[in-house]
Amino acid sequence: MFYPLIKSWQPFAAVIVIAIFWSWESFRPFLKIPYPRVKHGLINVIISLINGVLITFVFSGVTVLAADYSIVNSFGMLYNLSLPEILQWIAAFILLDAWNYWWHRINHLVPFFWRFHRMHHSDPEMDVTTATRFHVGEIVFSSIIRLGLIPALGIPIGVVILFDVIQLPVISFHHANIHLPPTLAAPSDRLIWSL
């Protein structure tokens, strides 16, 4: 199955994505605040690599089994709706994104989960590497809950792979200290504030 293979390459893909935004930040930063960027970035990337190894070796295989269970048994909300495959994939992608949104809200609202999530917010300087700075406890809880959601919602493994691949550069972009030219900044601001 491709999922464990993709998950094993995700830490390397993260390094490439971070390197691109890191370079952008170096030449066109939004905030020009001096701080030890290399040391700061190295700490966050090491945290990310540790989390990546954990996800790859502990959760990848089980995630495939959870998604396969849905397919084999036609189990889960989306399978019971009998949607055409393309609509099932679109709905599954939206449901995964909604889950991410609510998981982030829960991490801020529930004190127990905030204890783990605050590591992300405690970064003294925000740049692209902040996107990789998560407590291992948050990663474990998120992965366990998602293992239940995938079969309950009937999310195909292909959608999980697609979502994870797209999520990496999007989250990196959100956290990067990059300056956008006005021709890009104004339309993106309007789009974000209209949602």
N, C-alpha and C. Protein backbone atom coordinates (compact mmCIF):
# COMPACT_ATOMS: atom_id res chain seq x y z
N MET A 1 0.85 -1.19 0.00
CA MET A 1 0.00 0.00 0.00
C MET A 1 0.88 1.24 0.00
N PHE A 2 0.42 2.30 -0.67
CA PHE A 2 1.21 3.51 -0.82
C PHE A 2 1.27 4.37 0.45
N TYR A 3 0.27 4.26 1.32
CA TYR A 3 0.20 5.17 2.46
C TYR A 3 1.44 5.08 3.36
N PRO A 4 1.87 3.88 3.82
CA PRO A 4 3.07 3.84 4.65
C PRO A 4 4.30 4.37 3.91
N LEU A 5 4.40 4.13 2.60
CA LEU A 5 5.53 4.63 1.83
C LEU A 5 5.52 6.16 1.79
N ILE A 6 4.35 6.75 1.54
CA ILE A 6 4.24 8.21 1.51
C ILE A 6 4.53 8.79 2.88
N LYS A 7 4.01 8.16 3.94
CA LYS A 7 4.26 8.67 5.29
C LYS A 7 5.75 8.60 5.63
N SER A 8 6.44 7.58 5.13
CA SER A 8 7.87 7.47 5.42
C SER A 8 8.67 8.56 4.71
N TRP A 9 8.14 9.06 3.59
CA TRP A 9 8.81 10.13 2.85
C TRP A 9 8.37 11.52 3.31
N GLN A 10 7.30 11.59 4.11
CA GLN A 10 6.77 12.89 4.50
C GLN A 10 7.78 13.76 5.25
N PRO A 11 8.60 13.20 6.17
CA PRO A 11 9.60 14.06 6.82
C PRO A 11 10.57 14.70 5.81
N PHE A 12 10.94 13.95 4.77
CA PHE A 12 11.85 14.49 3.75
C PHE A 12 11.13 15.57 2.93
N ALA A 13 9.86 15.32 2.60
CA ALA A 13 9.07 16.32 1.87
C ALA A 13 8.92 17.57 2.71
N ALA A 14 8.75 17.39 4.02
CA ALA A 14 8.63 18.54 4.92
C ALA A 14 9.90 19.38 4.89
N VAL A 15 11.04 18.72 4.88
CA VAL A 15 12.32 19.45 4.84
C VAL A 15 12.42 20.26 3.55
N ILE A 16 11.99 19.68 2.42
CA ILE A 16 12.05 20.39 1.13
C ILE A 16 11.11 21.59 1.15
N VAL A 17 9.87 21.40 1.61
CA VAL A 17 8.90 22.49 1.67
C VAL A 17 9.41 23.60 2.60
N ILE A 18 9.92 23.19 3.76
CA ILE A 18 10.45 24.17 4.72
C ILE A 18 11.63 24.92 4.12
N ALA A 19 12.49 24.22 3.39
CA ALA A 19 13.65 24.87 2.76
C ALA A 19 13.21 25.95 1.77
N ILE A 20 12.13 25.67 1.03
CA ILE A 20 11.62 26.66 0.06
C ILE A 20 11.13 27.90 0.79
N PHE A 21 10.28 27.71 1.82
CA PHE A 21 9.77 28.87 2.55
C PHE A 21 10.86 29.54 3.38
N TRP A 22 11.81 28.75 3.88
CA TRP A 22 12.94 29.31 4.64
C TRP A 22 13.73 30.27 3.75
N SER A 23 13.95 29.86 2.52
CA SER A 23 14.67 30.72 1.58
C SER A 23 13.87 31.99 1.30
N TRP A 24 12.56 31.84 1.10
CA TRP A 24 11.69 32.98 0.86
C TRP A 24 11.76 33.95 2.04
N GLU A 25 11.68 33.39 3.26
CA GLU A 25 11.78 34.22 4.47
C GLU A 25 13.11 34.96 4.55
N SER A 26 14.15 34.32 4.08
CA SER A 26 15.49 34.92 4.15
C SER A 26 15.60 36.15 3.26
N PHE A 27 14.97 36.08 2.09
CA PHE A 27 15.09 37.18 1.13
C PHE A 27 13.95 38.18 1.20
N ARG A 28 12.75 37.71 1.58
CA ARG A 28 11.59 38.60 1.62
C ARG A 28 10.77 38.36 2.90
N PRO A 29 11.35 38.66 4.07
CA PRO A 29 10.58 38.45 5.31
C PRO A 29 9.49 39.51 5.49
N PHE A 30 8.41 39.11 6.13
CA PHE A 30 7.35 40.06 6.46
C PHE A 30 7.78 40.91 7.67
N LEU A 31 8.27 40.21 8.73
CA LEU A 31 8.79 40.88 9.92
C LEU A 31 10.31 40.72 9.94
N LYS A 32 11.00 41.82 10.02
CA LYS A 32 12.47 41.79 10.02
C LYS A 32 12.97 41.89 11.45
N ILE A 33 12.82 40.79 12.20
CA ILE A 33 13.26 40.75 13.60
C ILE A 33 14.45 39.79 13.69
N PRO A 34 15.59 40.26 14.15
CA PRO A 34 16.76 39.36 14.24
C PRO A 34 16.61 38.34 15.37
N TYR A 35 16.89 37.10 15.08
CA TYR A 35 16.92 36.01 16.07
C TYR A 35 17.77 34.89 15.49
N PRO A 36 18.24 33.97 16.34
CA PRO A 36 19.11 32.88 15.83
C PRO A 36 18.31 31.88 15.00
N ARG A 37 18.12 32.18 13.72
CA ARG A 37 17.22 31.40 12.84
C ARG A 37 17.65 29.95 12.70
N VAL A 38 18.94 29.71 12.55
CA VAL A 38 19.40 28.33 12.31
C VAL A 38 19.14 27.47 13.53
N LYS A 39 19.50 27.95 14.71
CA LYS A 39 19.27 27.18 15.94
C LYS A 39 17.77 26.97 16.16
N HIS A 40 17.00 28.03 16.01
CA HIS A 40 15.55 27.97 16.18
C HIS A 40 14.93 26.95 15.22
N GLY A 41 15.30 27.05 13.95
CA GLY A 41 14.75 26.16 12.94
C GLY A 41 15.16 24.72 13.14
N LEU A 42 16.40 24.51 13.54
CA LEU A 42 16.91 23.15 13.75
C LEU A 42 16.14 22.44 14.86
N ILE A 43 15.87 23.16 15.94
CA ILE A 43 15.11 22.58 17.06
C ILE A 43 13.73 22.14 16.58
N ASN A 44 13.05 23.02 15.84
CA ASN A 44 11.70 22.69 15.38
C ASN A 44 11.69 21.54 14.37
N VAL A 45 12.67 21.50 13.48
CA VAL A 45 12.73 20.43 12.48
C VAL A 45 13.05 19.09 13.15
N ILE A 46 13.89 19.08 14.17
CA ILE A 46 14.20 17.84 14.90
C ILE A 46 12.93 17.32 15.58
N ILE A 47 12.15 18.22 16.19
CA ILE A 47 10.87 17.83 16.79
C ILE A 47 9.96 17.20 15.73
N SER A 48 9.91 17.82 14.55
CA SER A 48 9.08 17.31 13.46
C SER A 48 9.53 15.93 13.00
N LEU A 49 10.83 15.73 12.88
CA LEU A 49 11.34 14.43 12.43
C LEU A 49 11.02 13.33 13.43
N ILE A 50 11.13 13.63 14.72
CA ILE A 50 10.77 12.65 15.75
C ILE A 50 9.29 12.28 15.62
N ASN A 51 8.43 13.30 15.46
CA ASN A 51 6.99 13.05 15.29
C ASN A 51 6.72 12.26 14.01
N GLY A 52 7.45 12.59 12.95
CA GLY A 52 7.28 11.89 11.68
C GLY A 52 7.61 10.41 11.78
N VAL A 53 8.68 10.10 12.50
CA VAL A 53 9.06 8.69 12.71
C VAL A 53 7.97 7.97 13.49
N LEU A 54 7.45 8.62 14.53
CA LEU A 54 6.38 8.02 15.34
C LEU A 54 5.15 7.72 14.48
N ILE A 55 4.73 8.68 13.69
CA ILE A 55 3.53 8.50 12.85
C ILE A 55 3.75 7.39 11.84
N THR A 56 4.95 7.38 11.23
CA THR A 56 5.23 6.38 10.19
C THR A 56 5.21 4.97 10.76
N PHE A 57 5.89 4.75 11.87
CA PHE A 57 6.05 3.38 12.38
C PHE A 57 4.91 2.92 13.28
N VAL A 58 4.17 3.83 13.88
CA VAL A 58 3.09 3.43 14.79
C VAL A 58 1.72 3.53 14.14
N PHE A 59 1.48 4.60 13.35
CA PHE A 59 0.12 4.86 12.90
C PHE A 59 -0.16 4.58 11.42
N SER A 60 0.86 4.53 10.59
CA SER A 60 0.61 4.39 9.14
C SER A 60 -0.12 3.10 8.80
N GLY A 61 0.40 1.97 9.26
CA GLY A 61 -0.21 0.68 8.96
C GLY A 61 -1.62 0.57 9.50
N VAL A 62 -1.84 1.07 10.70
CA VAL A 62 -3.17 1.00 11.32
C VAL A 62 -4.16 1.90 10.57
N THR A 63 -3.68 3.03 10.07
CA THR A 63 -4.54 3.92 9.29
C THR A 63 -5.02 3.23 8.02
N VAL A 64 -4.12 2.52 7.36
CA VAL A 64 -4.50 1.75 6.16
C VAL A 64 -5.55 0.69 6.52
N LEU A 65 -5.33 -0.03 7.61
CA LEU A 65 -6.29 -1.06 8.03
C LEU A 65 -7.66 -0.45 8.33
N ALA A 66 -7.67 0.71 8.98
CA ALA A 66 -8.95 1.38 9.30
C ALA A 66 -9.70 1.76 8.04
N ALA A 67 -8.98 2.32 7.06
CA ALA A 67 -9.62 2.72 5.80
C ALA A 67 -10.05 1.48 5.00
N ASP A 68 -9.22 0.44 4.99
CA ASP A 68 -9.57 -0.80 4.28
C ASP A 68 -10.80 -1.46 4.88
N TYR A 69 -10.95 -1.37 6.20
CA TYR A 69 -12.12 -1.95 6.86
C TYR A 69 -13.39 -1.31 6.31
N SER A 70 -13.35 0.01 6.12
CA SER A 70 -14.51 0.71 5.56
C SER A 70 -14.84 0.23 4.16
N ILE A 71 -13.80 0.07 3.34
CA ILE A 71 -14.01 -0.34 1.95
C ILE A 71 -14.57 -1.76 1.88
N VAL A 72 -13.93 -2.69 2.59
CA VAL A 72 -14.32 -4.10 2.53
C VAL A 72 -15.74 -4.31 3.06
N ASN A 73 -16.08 -3.57 4.12
CA ASN A 73 -17.38 -3.78 4.77
C ASN A 73 -18.42 -2.73 4.39
N SER A 74 -18.08 -1.85 3.43
CA SER A 74 -18.96 -0.73 3.07
C SER A 74 -19.48 -0.04 4.33
N PHE A 75 -18.53 0.20 5.22
CA PHE A 75 -18.87 0.76 6.53
C PHE A 75 -18.54 2.25 6.56
N GLY A 76 -19.36 3.02 7.22
CA GLY A 76 -19.09 4.44 7.38
C GLY A 76 -20.14 5.28 6.71
N MET A 77 -20.26 6.51 7.17
CA MET A 77 -21.31 7.41 6.72
C MET A 77 -21.32 7.60 5.20
N LEU A 78 -20.16 7.83 4.61
CA LEU A 78 -20.12 8.12 3.17
C LEU A 78 -20.49 6.92 2.33
N TYR A 79 -20.16 5.72 2.79
CA TYR A 79 -20.54 4.52 2.03
C TYR A 79 -22.05 4.30 2.08
N ASN A 80 -22.68 4.68 3.19
CA ASN A 80 -24.14 4.51 3.31
C ASN A 80 -24.92 5.53 2.50
N LEU A 81 -24.27 6.60 2.06
CA LEU A 81 -24.93 7.62 1.24
C LEU A 81 -24.96 7.24 -0.24
N SER A 82 -24.19 6.23 -0.61
CA SER A 82 -24.12 5.75 -2.00
C SER A 82 -23.83 6.88 -2.99
N LEU A 83 -22.84 7.69 -2.69
CA LEU A 83 -22.45 8.79 -3.57
C LEU A 83 -21.58 8.28 -4.71
N PRO A 84 -21.58 8.96 -5.86
CA PRO A 84 -20.58 8.65 -6.88
C PRO A 84 -19.19 8.87 -6.28
N GLU A 85 -18.21 8.15 -6.81
CA GLU A 85 -16.87 8.16 -6.19
C GLU A 85 -16.28 9.56 -6.08
N ILE A 86 -16.44 10.39 -7.10
CA ILE A 86 -15.85 11.73 -7.07
C ILE A 86 -16.49 12.57 -5.96
N LEU A 87 -17.82 12.45 -5.78
CA LEU A 87 -18.50 13.19 -4.70
C LEU A 87 -18.10 12.64 -3.33
N GLN A 88 -17.89 11.32 -3.26
CA GLN A 88 -17.44 10.72 -2.01
C GLN A 88 -16.07 11.28 -1.62
N TRP A 89 -15.17 11.39 -2.61
CA TRP A 89 -13.83 11.93 -2.34
C TRP A 89 -13.90 13.40 -1.91
N ILE A 90 -14.71 14.19 -2.59
CA ILE A 90 -14.85 15.61 -2.23
C ILE A 90 -15.41 15.74 -0.82
N ALA A 91 -16.47 14.97 -0.53
CA ALA A 91 -17.07 15.01 0.81
C ALA A 91 -16.08 14.54 1.87
N ALA A 92 -15.33 13.49 1.57
CA ALA A 92 -14.34 12.97 2.52
C ALA A 92 -13.25 14.00 2.80
N PHE A 93 -12.80 14.69 1.75
CA PHE A 93 -11.77 15.71 1.91
C PHE A 93 -12.29 16.85 2.80
N ILE A 94 -13.53 17.28 2.55
CA ILE A 94 -14.13 18.36 3.35
C ILE A 94 -14.29 17.91 4.81
N LEU A 95 -14.71 16.65 5.02
CA LEU A 95 -14.86 16.15 6.38
C LEU A 95 -13.53 16.09 7.12
N LEU A 96 -12.46 15.69 6.42
CA LEU A 96 -11.13 15.68 7.06
C LEU A 96 -10.70 17.09 7.42
N ASP A 97 -10.97 18.03 6.54
CA ASP A 97 -10.61 19.42 6.81
C ASP A 97 -11.42 19.96 7.99
N ALA A 98 -12.70 19.63 8.04
CA ALA A 98 -13.55 20.05 9.17
C ALA A 98 -13.05 19.44 10.47
N TRP A 99 -12.65 18.17 10.41
CA TRP A 99 -12.08 17.53 11.59
C TRP A 99 -10.83 18.28 12.05
N ASN A 100 -9.96 18.67 11.14
CA ASN A 100 -8.75 19.41 11.50
C ASN A 100 -9.10 20.73 12.19
N TYR A 101 -10.10 21.41 11.64
CA TYR A 101 -10.54 22.68 12.22
C TYR A 101 -11.02 22.48 13.66
N TRP A 102 -11.91 21.50 13.84
CA TRP A 102 -12.46 21.28 15.17
C TRP A 102 -11.42 20.74 16.13
N TRP A 103 -10.50 19.94 15.66
CA TRP A 103 -9.42 19.44 16.53
C TRP A 103 -8.57 20.62 17.01
N HIS A 104 -8.31 21.57 16.14
CA HIS A 104 -7.55 22.75 16.55
C HIS A 104 -8.33 23.56 17.58
N ARG A 105 -9.63 23.73 17.39
CA ARG A 105 -10.46 24.44 18.37
C ARG A 105 -10.44 23.72 19.72
N ILE A 106 -10.57 22.40 19.68
CA ILE A 106 -10.57 21.60 20.92
C ILE A 106 -9.26 21.79 21.66
N ASN A 107 -8.16 21.83 20.91
CA ASN A 107 -6.84 22.01 21.54
C ASN A 107 -6.73 23.35 22.27
N HIS A 108 -7.49 24.33 21.81
CA HIS A 108 -7.47 25.64 22.47
C HIS A 108 -8.48 25.72 23.61
N LEU A 109 -9.58 24.99 23.51
CA LEU A 109 -10.67 25.14 24.48
C LEU A 109 -10.59 24.17 25.66
N VAL A 110 -10.04 22.98 25.45
CA VAL A 110 -10.00 21.96 26.51
C VAL A 110 -8.63 22.02 27.19
N PRO A 111 -8.60 22.34 28.49
CA PRO A 111 -7.32 22.52 29.18
C PRO A 111 -6.36 21.32 29.04
N PHE A 112 -6.90 20.09 29.09
CA PHE A 112 -6.03 18.92 28.98
C PHE A 112 -5.28 18.94 27.65
N PHE A 113 -5.98 19.19 26.55
CA PHE A 113 -5.33 19.20 25.24
C PHE A 113 -4.46 20.44 25.03
N TRP A 114 -4.86 21.56 25.67
CA TRP A 114 -4.05 22.77 25.55
C TRP A 114 -2.66 22.56 26.13
N ARG A 115 -2.53 21.71 27.15
CA ARG A 115 -1.22 21.43 27.75
C ARG A 115 -0.23 20.93 26.70
N PHE A 116 -0.73 20.19 25.73
CA PHE A 116 0.14 19.70 24.65
C PHE A 116 0.26 20.73 23.53
N HIS A 117 -0.88 21.33 23.14
CA HIS A 117 -0.88 22.24 22.00
C HIS A 117 -0.11 23.53 22.26
N ARG A 118 0.00 23.92 23.52
CA ARG A 118 0.69 25.19 23.81
C ARG A 118 2.16 25.15 23.43
N MET A 119 2.72 23.95 23.25
CA MET A 119 4.10 23.87 22.77
C MET A 119 4.22 24.53 21.40
N HIS A 120 3.20 24.35 20.57
CA HIS A 120 3.19 24.97 19.24
C HIS A 120 3.17 26.50 19.36
N HIS A 121 2.36 26.99 20.31
CA HIS A 121 2.21 28.44 20.48
C HIS A 121 3.31 29.07 21.32
N SER A 122 4.14 28.24 21.94
CA SER A 122 5.20 28.78 22.79
C SER A 122 6.48 29.08 22.01
N ASP A 123 6.43 28.88 20.71
CA ASP A 123 7.61 29.17 19.89
C ASP A 123 7.94 30.66 20.03
N PRO A 124 9.15 31.01 20.46
CA PRO A 124 9.47 32.43 20.69
C PRO A 124 9.49 33.27 19.41
N GLU A 125 9.74 32.65 18.28
CA GLU A 125 9.74 33.36 17.00
C GLU A 125 8.95 32.54 15.99
N MET A 126 8.01 33.17 15.31
CA MET A 126 7.19 32.44 14.34
C MET A 126 7.79 32.53 12.95
N ASP A 127 8.08 31.37 12.40
CA ASP A 127 8.51 31.28 11.01
C ASP A 127 8.01 29.95 10.47
N VAL A 128 8.47 29.56 9.30
CA VAL A 128 7.95 28.35 8.67
C VAL A 128 8.17 27.10 9.53
N THR A 129 9.26 27.07 10.30
CA THR A 129 9.52 25.88 11.12
C THR A 129 8.53 25.74 12.27
N THR A 130 7.83 26.82 12.62
CA THR A 130 6.80 26.74 13.66
C THR A 130 5.69 25.78 13.23
N ALA A 131 5.49 25.64 11.94
CA ALA A 131 4.46 24.74 11.41
C ALA A 131 4.74 23.28 11.77
N THR A 132 5.97 22.96 12.15
CA THR A 132 6.34 21.59 12.46
C THR A 132 6.47 21.34 13.96
N ARG A 133 6.26 22.36 14.76
CA ARG A 133 6.53 22.29 16.21
C ARG A 133 5.27 21.84 16.96
N PHE A 134 5.16 20.54 17.21
CA PHE A 134 4.03 19.99 17.94
C PHE A 134 4.51 18.99 18.98
N HIS A 135 3.85 19.01 20.12
CA HIS A 135 4.16 18.05 21.18
C HIS A 135 3.77 16.65 20.72
N VAL A 136 4.59 15.68 21.06
CA VAL A 136 4.33 14.30 20.64
C VAL A 136 2.97 13.82 21.18
N GLY A 137 2.56 14.32 22.35
CA GLY A 137 1.26 13.94 22.91
C GLY A 137 0.12 14.39 22.03
N GLU A 138 0.22 15.60 21.47
CA GLU A 138 -0.81 16.09 20.55
C GLU A 138 -0.88 15.22 19.31
N ILE A 139 0.28 14.83 18.80
CA ILE A 139 0.34 13.97 17.61
C ILE A 139 -0.32 12.62 17.89
N VAL A 140 -0.03 12.05 19.06
CA VAL A 140 -0.60 10.74 19.41
C VAL A 140 -2.12 10.83 19.55
N PHE A 141 -2.62 11.82 20.30
CA PHE A 141 -4.07 11.94 20.48
C PHE A 141 -4.77 12.21 19.15
N SER A 142 -4.20 13.09 18.34
CA SER A 142 -4.79 13.41 17.04
C SER A 142 -4.86 12.15 16.17
N SER A 143 -3.79 11.38 16.15
CA SER A 143 -3.73 10.18 15.30
C SER A 143 -4.71 9.11 15.78
N ILE A 144 -4.84 8.94 17.09
CA ILE A 144 -5.76 7.94 17.63
C ILE A 144 -7.21 8.31 17.29
N ILE A 145 -7.57 9.58 17.49
CA ILE A 145 -8.94 10.00 17.20
C ILE A 145 -9.22 9.86 15.71
N ARG A 146 -8.25 10.24 14.88
CA ARG A 146 -8.44 10.14 13.43
C ARG A 146 -8.61 8.69 13.00
N LEU A 147 -7.98 7.75 13.71
CA LEU A 147 -8.14 6.33 13.41
C LEU A 147 -9.60 5.89 13.57
N GLY A 148 -10.31 6.49 14.50
CA GLY A 148 -11.72 6.18 14.67
C GLY A 148 -12.59 6.89 13.65
N LEU A 149 -12.20 8.11 13.29
CA LEU A 149 -12.99 8.90 12.34
C LEU A 149 -12.96 8.33 10.93
N ILE A 150 -11.82 7.81 10.51
CA ILE A 150 -11.68 7.33 9.13
C ILE A 150 -12.71 6.24 8.81
N PRO A 151 -12.82 5.18 9.62
CA PRO A 151 -13.86 4.18 9.30
C PRO A 151 -15.28 4.68 9.62
N ALA A 152 -15.43 5.49 10.67
CA ALA A 152 -16.78 5.97 11.03
C ALA A 152 -17.37 6.83 9.91
N LEU A 153 -16.53 7.64 9.29
CA LEU A 153 -17.00 8.49 8.20
C LEU A 153 -16.92 7.81 6.84
N GLY A 154 -16.14 6.72 6.75
CA GLY A 154 -15.98 6.02 5.47
C GLY A 154 -15.05 6.77 4.54
N ILE A 155 -13.91 7.23 5.05
CA ILE A 155 -12.97 8.01 4.25
C ILE A 155 -11.97 7.07 3.56
N PRO A 156 -11.91 7.09 2.23
CA PRO A 156 -10.97 6.23 1.51
C PRO A 156 -9.51 6.62 1.82
N ILE A 157 -8.62 5.65 1.78
CA ILE A 157 -7.22 5.92 2.08
C ILE A 157 -6.61 6.90 1.08
N GLY A 158 -7.09 6.88 -0.16
CA GLY A 158 -6.59 7.83 -1.16
C GLY A 158 -6.85 9.27 -0.76
N VAL A 159 -7.99 9.53 -0.12
CA VAL A 159 -8.31 10.88 0.34
C VAL A 159 -7.40 11.26 1.50
N VAL A 160 -7.13 10.31 2.39
CA VAL A 160 -6.22 10.57 3.52
C VAL A 160 -4.84 10.96 2.98
N ILE A 161 -4.36 10.22 1.98
CA ILE A 161 -3.05 10.51 1.38
C ILE A 161 -3.07 11.90 0.75
N LEU A 162 -4.09 12.18 -0.06
CA LEU A 162 -4.20 13.48 -0.73
C LEU A 162 -4.25 14.61 0.29
N PHE A 163 -5.04 14.44 1.34
CA PHE A 163 -5.17 15.46 2.36
C PHE A 163 -3.83 15.73 3.05
N ASP A 164 -3.13 14.67 3.42
CA ASP A 164 -1.85 14.82 4.11
C ASP A 164 -0.80 15.50 3.22
N VAL A 165 -0.82 15.16 1.93
CA VAL A 165 0.14 15.77 0.99
C VAL A 165 -0.14 17.26 0.81
N ILE A 166 -1.41 17.64 0.70
CA ILE A 166 -1.78 19.05 0.51
C ILE A 166 -1.58 19.85 1.80
N GLN A 167 -1.86 19.22 2.93
CA GLN A 167 -1.80 19.91 4.21
C GLN A 167 -0.41 20.46 4.53
N LEU A 168 0.62 19.74 4.18
CA LEU A 168 1.99 20.13 4.52
C LEU A 168 2.37 21.51 3.97
N PRO A 169 2.27 21.76 2.65
CA PRO A 169 2.63 23.10 2.17
C PRO A 169 1.65 24.18 2.63
N VAL A 170 0.38 23.84 2.82
CA VAL A 170 -0.60 24.83 3.27
C VAL A 170 -0.26 25.32 4.68
N ILE A 171 0.01 24.39 5.59
CA ILE A 171 0.36 24.77 6.96
C ILE A 171 1.68 25.53 6.99
N SER A 172 2.62 25.12 6.16
CA SER A 172 3.90 25.84 6.08
C SER A 172 3.69 27.27 5.62
N PHE A 173 2.83 27.46 4.63
CA PHE A 173 2.53 28.80 4.13
C PHE A 173 1.89 29.66 5.21
N HIS A 174 0.96 29.07 5.98
CA HIS A 174 0.27 29.81 7.05
C HIS A 174 1.24 30.36 8.10
N HIS A 175 2.30 29.61 8.38
CA HIS A 175 3.21 30.00 9.46
C HIS A 175 4.43 30.78 8.97
N ALA A 176 4.67 30.77 7.68
CA ALA A 176 5.90 31.38 7.16
C ALA A 176 5.90 32.89 7.33
N ASN A 177 7.07 33.42 7.64
CA ASN A 177 7.28 34.86 7.79
C ASN A 177 7.68 35.42 6.42
N ILE A 178 6.71 35.41 5.50
CA ILE A 178 7.02 35.82 4.12
C ILE A 178 6.26 37.08 3.75
N HIS A 179 6.88 37.87 2.92
CA HIS A 179 6.25 39.08 2.39
C HIS A 179 5.65 38.75 1.02
N LEU A 180 4.35 39.00 0.89
CA LEU A 180 3.68 38.81 -0.41
C LEU A 180 3.57 40.16 -1.11
N PRO A 181 3.79 40.19 -2.41
CA PRO A 181 3.57 41.45 -3.13
C PRO A 181 2.10 41.86 -3.04
N PRO A 182 1.82 43.16 -3.07
CA PRO A 182 0.43 43.64 -2.93
C PRO A 182 -0.55 43.00 -3.90
N THR A 183 -0.09 42.66 -5.09
CA THR A 183 -1.00 42.06 -6.08
C THR A 183 -1.49 40.68 -5.63
N LEU A 184 -0.70 40.01 -4.79
CA LEU A 184 -1.12 38.71 -4.24
C LEU A 184 -1.73 38.86 -2.86
N ALA A 185 -1.20 39.78 -2.06
CA ALA A 185 -1.65 39.93 -0.68
C ALA A 185 -3.10 40.39 -0.60
N ALA A 186 -3.48 41.38 -1.40
CA ALA A 186 -4.85 41.92 -1.32
C ALA A 186 -5.90 40.87 -1.67
N PRO A 187 -5.76 40.13 -2.81
CA PRO A 187 -6.77 39.10 -3.11
C PRO A 187 -6.80 37.98 -2.07
N SER A 188 -5.64 37.58 -1.56
CA SER A 188 -5.63 36.50 -0.56
C SER A 188 -6.27 36.97 0.73
N ASP A 189 -6.06 38.24 1.11
CA ASP A 189 -6.72 38.78 2.31
C ASP A 189 -8.23 38.76 2.14
N ARG A 190 -8.71 39.20 0.98
CA ARG A 190 -10.16 39.22 0.73
C ARG A 190 -10.74 37.81 0.79
N LEU A 191 -10.03 36.86 0.22
CA LEU A 191 -10.50 35.47 0.21
C LEU A 191 -10.57 34.92 1.63
N ILE A 192 -9.51 35.13 2.41
CA ILE A 192 -9.48 34.59 3.78
C ILE A 192 -10.55 35.24 4.65
N TRP A 193 -10.74 36.56 4.55
CA TRP A 193 -11.71 37.24 5.40
C TRP A 193 -13.14 37.00 4.95
N SER A 194 -13.33 36.53 3.73
CA SER A 194 -14.70 36.25 3.25
C SER A 194 -15.18 34.87 3.70
N LEU A 195 -14.26 34.03 4.12
CA LEU A 195 -14.65 32.66 4.52
C LEU A 195 -15.22 32.62 5.92
